[in-house]
Protein backbone atom coordinates (compact mmCIF):
# COMPACT_ATOMS: atom_id res chain seq x y z
CA UNK A 1 4.34 24.08 32.47
CA UNK A 2 7.02 26.58 33.42
CA UNK A 3 7.02 29.95 31.71
CA UNK A 4 10.26 31.82 31.03
CA UNK A 5 10.48 35.47 30.09
CA UNK A 6 13.29 37.93 29.56
CA UNK A 7 13.66 40.65 32.21
CA UNK A 8 16.51 42.65 30.70
CA UNK A 9 17.74 43.34 27.20
CA UNK A 10 20.65 41.13 26.11
CA UNK A 11 23.96 42.12 27.65
CA UNK A 12 26.01 40.50 24.87
CA UNK A 13 25.15 39.49 21.32
CA UNK A 14 26.27 36.04 20.12
CA UNK A 15 27.56 37.53 16.83
CA UNK A 16 30.08 40.37 16.71
CA UNK A 17 29.75 43.24 14.26
CA UNK A 18 33.22 42.37 12.93
CA UNK A 19 32.07 38.86 11.97
CA UNK A 20 28.91 40.29 10.41
CA UNK A 21 30.95 42.77 8.34
CA UNK A 22 33.14 39.88 7.14
CA UNK A 23 29.98 37.94 6.18
CA UNK A 24 28.76 40.92 4.14
CA UNK A 25 32.26 41.59 2.72
CA UNK A 26 32.26 45.13 4.11
CA UNK A 27 35.43 46.95 5.10
CA UNK A 28 36.04 46.73 8.89
CA UNK A 29 37.03 50.40 9.10
CA UNK A 30 33.78 51.58 7.45
CA UNK A 31 31.57 52.54 10.42
CA UNK A 32 28.87 54.51 8.57
CA UNK A 33 26.32 51.69 8.80
CA UNK A 34 27.30 50.19 12.16
CA UNK A 35 24.05 51.19 13.88
CA UNK A 36 22.00 49.55 11.12
CA UNK A 37 24.23 46.47 11.13
CA UNK A 38 23.74 46.09 14.90
CA UNK A 39 20.00 46.45 14.37
CA UNK A 40 20.05 43.67 11.74
CA UNK A 41 22.05 41.43 14.10
CA UNK A 42 19.63 42.08 16.94
CA UNK A 43 16.64 41.34 14.70
CA UNK A 44 18.33 38.18 13.40
CA UNK A 45 19.03 36.95 16.92
CA UNK A 46 15.46 37.75 17.92
CA UNK A 47 14.09 35.76 14.97
CA UNK A 48 16.32 32.79 15.88
CA UNK A 49 15.26 32.97 19.54
CA UNK A 50 11.57 33.08 18.65
CA UNK A 51 11.93 30.21 16.19
CA UNK A 52 13.79 28.03 18.71
CA UNK A 53 11.88 29.23 21.79
CA UNK A 54 15.11 29.73 23.73
CA UNK A 55 17.57 32.58 24.32
CA UNK A 56 20.90 32.85 22.50
CA UNK A 57 22.12 36.04 24.20
CA UNK A 58 23.14 36.57 27.84
CA UNK A 59 20.56 38.38 29.98
CA UNK A 60 18.47 38.14 33.16
CA UNK A 61 15.61 35.63 32.85
CA UNK A 62 12.64 34.83 35.04
CA UNK A 63 11.01 31.38 35.12
CA UNK A 64 7.70 30.69 36.84
CA UNK A 65 7.03 27.15 38.09
CA UNK A 66 3.88 25.58 39.52
CA UNK A 67 4.29 23.73 42.82
CA UNK A 68 3.78 20.35 41.12
CA UNK A 69 6.55 20.57 38.54
CA UNK A 70 10.25 19.94 39.15
CA UNK A 71 12.59 22.86 39.62
CA UNK A 72 14.91 22.69 36.60
CA UNK A 73 16.64 25.72 35.11
CA UNK A 74 17.99 25.63 31.54
CA UNK A 75 21.66 25.03 30.76
CA UNK A 76 23.47 28.35 31.03
CA UNK A 77 21.54 29.44 34.11
CA UNK A 78 23.87 31.18 36.51
CA UNK A 79 23.46 32.97 39.80
CA UNK A 80 19.92 33.00 41.20
CA UNK A 81 19.00 36.60 41.93
CA UNK A 82 15.62 36.21 43.64
CA UNK A 83 12.73 33.85 44.40
CA UNK A 84 9.17 35.10 44.83
CA UNK A 85 5.64 33.76 45.02
CA UNK A 86 4.49 30.70 46.98
CA UNK A 87 8.04 30.19 48.26
CA UNK A 88 10.62 32.91 48.75
CA UNK A 89 13.77 30.84 49.20
CA UNK A 90 15.04 27.79 47.30
CA UNK A 91 15.79 26.08 50.62
CA UNK A 92 12.01 25.62 50.91
CA UNK A 93 11.90 23.40 47.79
CA UNK A 94 12.44 20.03 49.55
CA UNK A 95 9.49 20.62 51.88
CA UNK A 96 7.32 22.04 49.09
CA UNK A 97 6.87 18.63 47.44
CA UNK A 98 6.00 17.00 50.76
CA UNK A 99 3.60 19.83 51.63
CA UNK A 100 1.84 19.56 48.29
CA UNK A 101 1.45 15.75 48.53
CA UNK A 102 -0.12 16.10 51.98
CA UNK A 103 -2.29 18.95 50.75
CA UNK A 104 -3.70 16.92 47.84
CA UNK A 105 -4.38 13.93 50.11
CA UNK A 106 -6.32 16.20 52.44
CA UNK A 107 -3.99 15.73 55.39
CA UNK A 108 -3.65 19.48 55.88
CA UNK A 109 -6.46 20.72 58.09
CA UNK A 110 -6.72 24.22 56.69
CA UNK A 111 -6.48 24.39 52.93
CA UNK A 112 -5.39 27.82 51.81
CA UNK A 113 -5.89 27.00 48.14
CA UNK A 114 -8.59 24.94 46.45
CA UNK A 115 -7.30 22.00 44.41
CA UNK A 116 -7.67 23.59 41.00
CA UNK A 117 -5.00 22.20 38.73
CA UNK A 118 -5.46 25.09 36.28
CA UNK A 119 -4.65 27.62 39.01
CA UNK A 120 -1.93 26.00 41.10
CA UNK A 121 0.27 28.10 43.39
CA UNK A 122 3.42 29.27 41.62
CA UNK A 123 6.84 30.61 42.46
CA UNK A 124 9.16 32.64 40.25
CA UNK A 125 12.94 32.39 40.04
CA UNK A 126 14.98 35.27 38.58
CA UNK A 127 18.50 34.37 37.46
CA UNK A 128 21.42 35.36 35.25
CA UNK A 129 21.55 33.45 31.99
CA UNK A 130 24.84 33.06 30.13
CA UNK A 131 24.41 32.08 26.50
CA UNK A 132 26.94 30.05 24.57
CA UNK A 133 25.64 29.84 21.01
CA UNK A 134 26.85 26.97 18.82
CA UNK A 135 28.51 27.66 15.46
CA UNK A 136 25.43 26.67 13.45
CA UNK A 137 23.24 29.01 15.53
CA UNK A 138 25.70 31.83 14.85
CA UNK A 139 25.63 30.98 11.14
CA UNK A 140 21.81 31.03 11.15
CA UNK A 141 21.80 34.45 12.84
CA UNK A 142 24.29 35.67 10.22
CA UNK A 143 22.04 34.35 7.41
CA UNK A 144 18.94 36.04 8.81
CA UNK A 145 20.75 39.32 9.46
CA UNK A 146 22.33 39.21 5.98
CA UNK A 147 18.92 38.70 4.37
CA UNK A 148 17.57 41.65 6.36
CA UNK A 149 20.53 43.80 5.31
CA UNK A 150 20.28 42.88 1.63
CA UNK A 151 16.49 43.25 1.47
CA UNK A 152 16.04 46.41 3.50
CA UNK A 153 13.87 48.01 0.82
CA UNK A 154 10.37 46.67 0.14
CA UNK A 155 10.75 47.18 -3.58
CA UNK A 156 13.44 48.47 -5.85
CA UNK A 157 12.87 49.29 -9.51
CA UNK A 158 14.46 46.68 -11.72
CA UNK A 159 15.37 44.30 -8.88
CA UNK A 160 13.60 41.23 -7.59
CA UNK A 161 12.75 41.09 -3.92
CA UNK A 162 13.11 37.63 -2.41
CA UNK A 163 11.48 36.31 0.73
CA UNK A 164 13.53 35.27 3.76
CA UNK A 165 15.06 31.90 2.89
CA UNK A 166 14.46 28.74 4.88
CA UNK A 167 18.15 27.85 5.15
CA UNK A 168 18.27 29.29 8.66
CA UNK A 169 15.54 26.84 9.73
CA UNK A 170 17.71 23.88 8.72
CA UNK A 171 20.49 25.19 10.96
CA UNK A 172 18.20 25.98 13.91
CA UNK A 173 15.94 22.90 13.93
CA UNK A 174 18.19 20.88 16.29
CA UNK A 175 17.91 23.71 18.86
CA UNK A 176 14.15 24.16 18.61
CA UNK A 177 12.21 23.66 21.84
CA UNK A 178 8.57 22.81 21.25
CA UNK A 179 6.09 22.97 24.12
CA UNK A 180 7.52 23.03 27.62
CA UNK A 181 10.87 21.54 26.65
CA UNK A 182 10.42 18.33 28.61
């Protein structure tokens, strides 16, 4: 099962602060809370990404593959920046499958690795990822960020504090990746 992790912080957010201010019905020229609004947007995007198990903001990602699984990058994957591990160049991929088949059959005379399917040789691909969030994902991020903005205090005298609603889950469920995504 391939493992993907983020290497850099997001370079662009899928939701602009102007759109978020419109959602909250705040005046566009009021910049007093912009830092907090950006924080809410970032937290909302992070919640959506964790729920769906996929990124919604552009950044550099790194995916580690075992030698037995196919090399498939997610939609939005751009320029490959580097390859490291068992292979160091993607041009070696076609011979990797042939090498591994011969290795498992015992054709190779000197086995460098024991056949231990829990500890297979791996290679890691680092690449630019360009996100293109759908409208319902953007709306879910807006809902989460709005809830965080409205409920920033744990308790307020005379006001009821509500939990984060599940409406965002309804919007994000079609984008949820469970397991390895295959």
